[in-house]
Amino acid sequence: MKNTMPGYEKRKVAIDLLKHFSGLSVGIIALTASFLGNLSQLSNSKNSVIFAVINFFLVIVFSSLASYLFLANIQKLEYRSFSHYLLRFSLLIVFLSFFSGIGAFVYLILENV
């Protein structure tokens, strides 16, 4: 039998998921910057684009923080510690911000169809 740390595979999957969220967010910000001229012609685009970009920036920041916390505490993360609460808060912000940013773009598209 292998001698593995409990929850190690779950932490690896979570780190990979955070990398995907931050990579997608960087790509969406770059795509938004390249099509900013076309997006500015849509009605109510300024508020939606600013809201989406802020949310994707939050995803990048908090996914980096969560990945750091996972890697710094790869052996074991103490339950109910400051790092534990910060990690949970970071994961919540990542998921809410990512889907809020996507929702802002969906709103912009549906409003202008």
C-alpha atoms as a PDB file:
ATOM      1  CA  MET A   1       0.000   0.000   0.000  1.00  0.00           C
ATOM      2  CA  LYS A   2       1.152   3.519  -0.724  1.00  0.00           C
ATOM      3  CA  ASN A   3       2.044   5.857   2.069  1.00  0.00           C
ATOM      4  CA  THR A   4       0.172   8.995   0.960  1.00  0.00           C
ATOM      5  CA  MET A   5      -1.023  12.007   2.857  1.00  0.00           C
ATOM      6  CA  PRO A   6      -4.766  12.097   3.510  1.00  0.00           C
ATOM      7  CA  GLY A   7      -6.523  14.459   1.109  1.00  0.00           C
ATOM      8  CA  TYR A   8      -3.426  14.950  -1.043  1.00  0.00           C
ATOM      9  CA  GLU A   9      -5.219  14.083  -4.298  1.00  0.00           C
ATOM     10  CA  LYS A  10      -8.093  16.415  -3.435  1.00  0.00           C
ATOM     11  CA  ARG A  11      -5.644  19.262  -2.882  1.00  0.00           C
ATOM     12  CA  LYS A  12      -3.966  18.534  -6.224  1.00  0.00           C
ATOM     13  CA  VAL A  13      -7.338  18.610  -7.995  1.00  0.00           C
ATOM     14  CA  ALA A  14      -8.238  21.879  -6.250  1.00  0.00           C
ATOM     15  CA  ILE A  15      -4.929  23.459  -7.285  1.00  0.00           C
ATOM     16  CA  ASP A  16      -5.506  22.375 -10.892  1.00  0.00           C
ATOM     17  CA  LEU A  17      -9.031  23.790 -10.801  1.00  0.00           C
ATOM     18  CA  LEU A  18      -7.716  27.100  -9.476  1.00  0.00           C
ATOM     19  CA  LYS A  19      -5.106  27.178 -12.248  1.00  0.00           C
ATOM     20  CA  HIS A  20      -7.845  26.651 -14.831  1.00  0.00           C
ATOM     21  CA  PHE A  21     -10.009  29.410 -13.363  1.00  0.00           C
ATOM     22  CA  SER A  22      -7.129  31.875 -13.309  1.00  0.00           C
ATOM     23  CA  GLY A  23      -5.994  30.889 -16.810  1.00  0.00           C
ATOM     24  CA  LEU A  24      -9.494  31.340 -18.195  1.00  0.00           C
ATOM     25  CA  SER A  25      -9.777  34.693 -16.440  1.00  0.00           C
ATOM     26  CA  VAL A  26      -6.520  35.945 -17.937  1.00  0.00           C
ATOM     27  CA  GLY A  27      -7.684  34.786 -21.365  1.00  0.00           C
ATOM     28  CA  ILE A  28     -11.056  36.491 -21.008  1.00  0.00           C
ATOM     29  CA  ILE A  29      -9.420  39.743 -19.903  1.00  0.00           C
ATOM     30  CA  ALA A  30      -7.066  39.595 -22.907  1.00  0.00           C
ATOM     31  CA  LEU A  31      -9.948  38.809 -25.263  1.00  0.00           C
ATOM     32  CA  THR A  32     -11.974  41.657 -23.800  1.00  0.00           C
ATOM     33  CA  ALA A  33      -9.055  44.054 -24.282  1.00  0.00           C
ATOM     34  CA  SER A  34      -8.666  43.017 -27.907  1.00  0.00           C
ATOM     35  CA  PHE A  35     -12.367  43.493 -28.699  1.00  0.00           C
ATOM     36  CA  LEU A  36     -12.906  46.573 -26.549  1.00  0.00           C
ATOM     37  CA  GLY A  37     -13.592  48.766 -29.583  1.00  0.00           C
ATOM     38  CA  ASN A  38     -16.360  46.466 -30.780  1.00  0.00           C
ATOM     39  CA  LEU A  39     -17.806  46.044 -27.297  1.00  0.00           C
ATOM     40  CA  SER A  40     -18.025  49.798 -26.739  1.00  0.00           C
ATOM     41  CA  GLN A  41     -20.617  50.051 -29.530  1.00  0.00           C
ATOM     42  CA  LEU A  42     -23.083  47.927 -27.565  1.00  0.00           C
ATOM     43  CA  SER A  43     -25.588  49.566 -25.257  1.00  0.00           C
ATOM     44  CA  ASN A  44     -24.722  49.498 -21.528  1.00  0.00           C
ATOM     45  CA  SER A  45     -21.411  47.876 -22.360  1.00  0.00           C
ATOM     46  CA  LYS A  46     -19.231  50.071 -20.164  1.00  0.00           C
ATOM     47  CA  ASN A  47     -20.710  48.954 -16.841  1.00  0.00           C
ATOM     48  CA  SER A  48     -20.916  45.285 -17.815  1.00  0.00           C
ATOM     49  CA  VAL A  49     -17.360  45.127 -19.138  1.00  0.00           C
ATOM     50  CA  ILE A  50     -15.922  46.940 -16.098  1.00  0.00           C
ATOM     51  CA  PHE A  51     -17.854  44.655 -13.736  1.00  0.00           C
ATOM     52  CA  ALA A  52     -16.694  41.547 -15.604  1.00  0.00           C
ATOM     53  CA  VAL A  53     -13.039  42.597 -15.742  1.00  0.00           C
ATOM     54  CA  ILE A  54     -13.017  43.438 -12.022  1.00  0.00           C
ATOM     55  CA  ASN A  55     -14.510  40.031 -11.256  1.00  0.00           C
ATOM     56  CA  PHE A  56     -11.961  38.215 -13.408  1.00  0.00           C
ATOM     57  CA  PHE A  57      -9.154  40.173 -11.760  1.00  0.00           C
ATOM     58  CA  LEU A  58     -10.499  39.060  -8.369  1.00  0.00           C
ATOM     59  CA  VAL A  59     -10.448  35.476  -9.629  1.00  0.00           C
ATOM     60  CA  ILE A  60      -6.779  35.800 -10.528  1.00  0.00           C
ATOM     61  CA  VAL A  61      -5.815  37.343  -7.178  1.00  0.00           C
ATOM     62  CA  PHE A  62      -7.802  34.998  -4.954  1.00  0.00           C
ATOM     63  CA  SER A  63      -6.966  31.849  -6.921  1.00  0.00           C
ATOM     64  CA  SER A  64      -3.284  32.733  -6.531  1.00  0.00           C
ATOM     65  CA  LEU A  65      -3.826  33.207  -2.804  1.00  0.00           C
ATOM     66  CA  ALA A  66      -5.729  29.919  -2.485  1.00  0.00           C
ATOM     67  CA  SER A  67      -3.085  28.044  -4.481  1.00  0.00           C
ATOM     68  CA  TYR A  68      -0.397  29.470  -2.230  1.00  0.00           C
ATOM     69  CA  LEU A  69      -2.322  28.382   0.864  1.00  0.00           C
ATOM     70  CA  PHE A  70      -2.788  24.888  -0.575  1.00  0.00           C
ATOM     71  CA  LEU A  71       0.892  24.580  -1.444  1.00  0.00           C
ATOM     72  CA  ALA A  72       2.118  26.062   1.830  1.00  0.00           C
ATOM     73  CA  ASN A  73      -0.049  23.643   3.785  1.00  0.00           C
ATOM     74  CA  ILE A  74       0.239  20.604   1.512  1.00  0.00           C
ATOM     75  CA  GLN A  75       0.831  18.265   4.456  1.00  0.00           C
ATOM     76  CA  LYS A  76      -2.171  19.271   6.527  1.00  0.00           C
ATOM     77  CA  LEU A  77      -4.279  22.365   6.909  1.00  0.00           C
ATOM     78  CA  GLU A  78      -5.331  22.854  10.510  1.00  0.00           C
ATOM     79  CA  TYR A  79      -9.104  22.939  10.842  1.00  0.00           C
ATOM     80  CA  ARG A  80     -10.525  26.262  12.084  1.00  0.00           C
ATOM     81  CA  SER A  81      -7.204  28.053  11.709  1.00  0.00           C
ATOM     82  CA  PHE A  82      -6.763  31.445  10.077  1.00  0.00           C
ATOM     83  CA  SER A  83      -5.339  29.773   6.956  1.00  0.00           C
ATOM     84  CA  HIS A  84      -8.349  27.468   6.793  1.00  0.00           C
ATOM     85  CA  TYR A  85     -10.819  30.354   6.904  1.00  0.00           C
ATOM     86  CA  LEU A  86      -8.781  32.398   4.439  1.00  0.00           C
ATOM     87  CA  LEU A  87      -8.689  29.445   2.052  1.00  0.00           C
ATOM     88  CA  ARG A  88     -12.444  28.951   2.280  1.00  0.00           C
ATOM     89  CA  PHE A  89     -13.049  32.667   1.734  1.00  0.00           C
ATOM     90  CA  SER A  90     -10.676  32.671  -1.262  1.00  0.00           C
ATOM     91  CA  LEU A  91     -12.426  29.704  -2.854  1.00  0.00           C
ATOM     92  CA  LEU A  92     -15.809  31.352  -2.352  1.00  0.00           C
ATOM     93  CA  ILE A  93     -14.598  34.588  -3.956  1.00  0.00           C
ATOM     94  CA  VAL A  94     -13.070  32.666  -6.883  1.00  0.00           C
ATOM     95  CA  PHE A  95     -16.275  30.816  -7.699  1.00  0.00           C
ATOM     96  CA  LEU A  96     -18.601  33.775  -7.174  1.00  0.00           C
ATOM     97  CA  SER A  97     -16.389  36.185  -9.120  1.00  0.00           C
ATOM     98  CA  PHE A  98     -15.856  33.834 -12.035  1.00  0.00           C
ATOM     99  CA  PHE A  99     -19.522  33.126 -12.529  1.00  0.00           C
ATOM    100  CA  SER A 100     -20.465  36.783 -11.910  1.00  0.00           C
ATOM    101  CA  GLY A 101     -18.030  37.829 -14.628  1.00  0.00           C
ATOM    102  CA  ILE A 102     -19.455  35.258 -17.021  1.00  0.00           C
ATOM    103  CA  GLY A 103     -22.942  36.407 -16.060  1.00  0.00           C
ATOM    104  CA  ALA A 104     -22.040  40.027 -16.887  1.00  0.00           C
ATOM    105  CA  PHE A 105     -20.993  39.010 -20.385  1.00  0.00           C
ATOM    106  CA  VAL A 106     -24.081  36.858 -20.857  1.00  0.00           C
ATOM    107  CA  TYR A 107     -26.236  39.804 -19.746  1.00  0.00           C
ATOM    108  CA  LEU A 108     -24.426  42.066 -22.207  1.00  0.00           C
ATOM    109  CA  ILE A 109     -24.973  39.621 -25.047  1.00  0.00           C
ATOM    110  CA  LEU A 110     -28.629  38.938 -24.257  1.00  0.00           C
ATOM    111  CA  GLU A 111     -29.399  42.635 -23.856  1.00  0.00           C
ATOM    112  CA  ASN A 112     -27.998  43.430 -27.300  1.00  0.00           C
ATOM    113  CA  VAL A 113     -29.480  40.573 -29.323  1.00  0.00           C
END
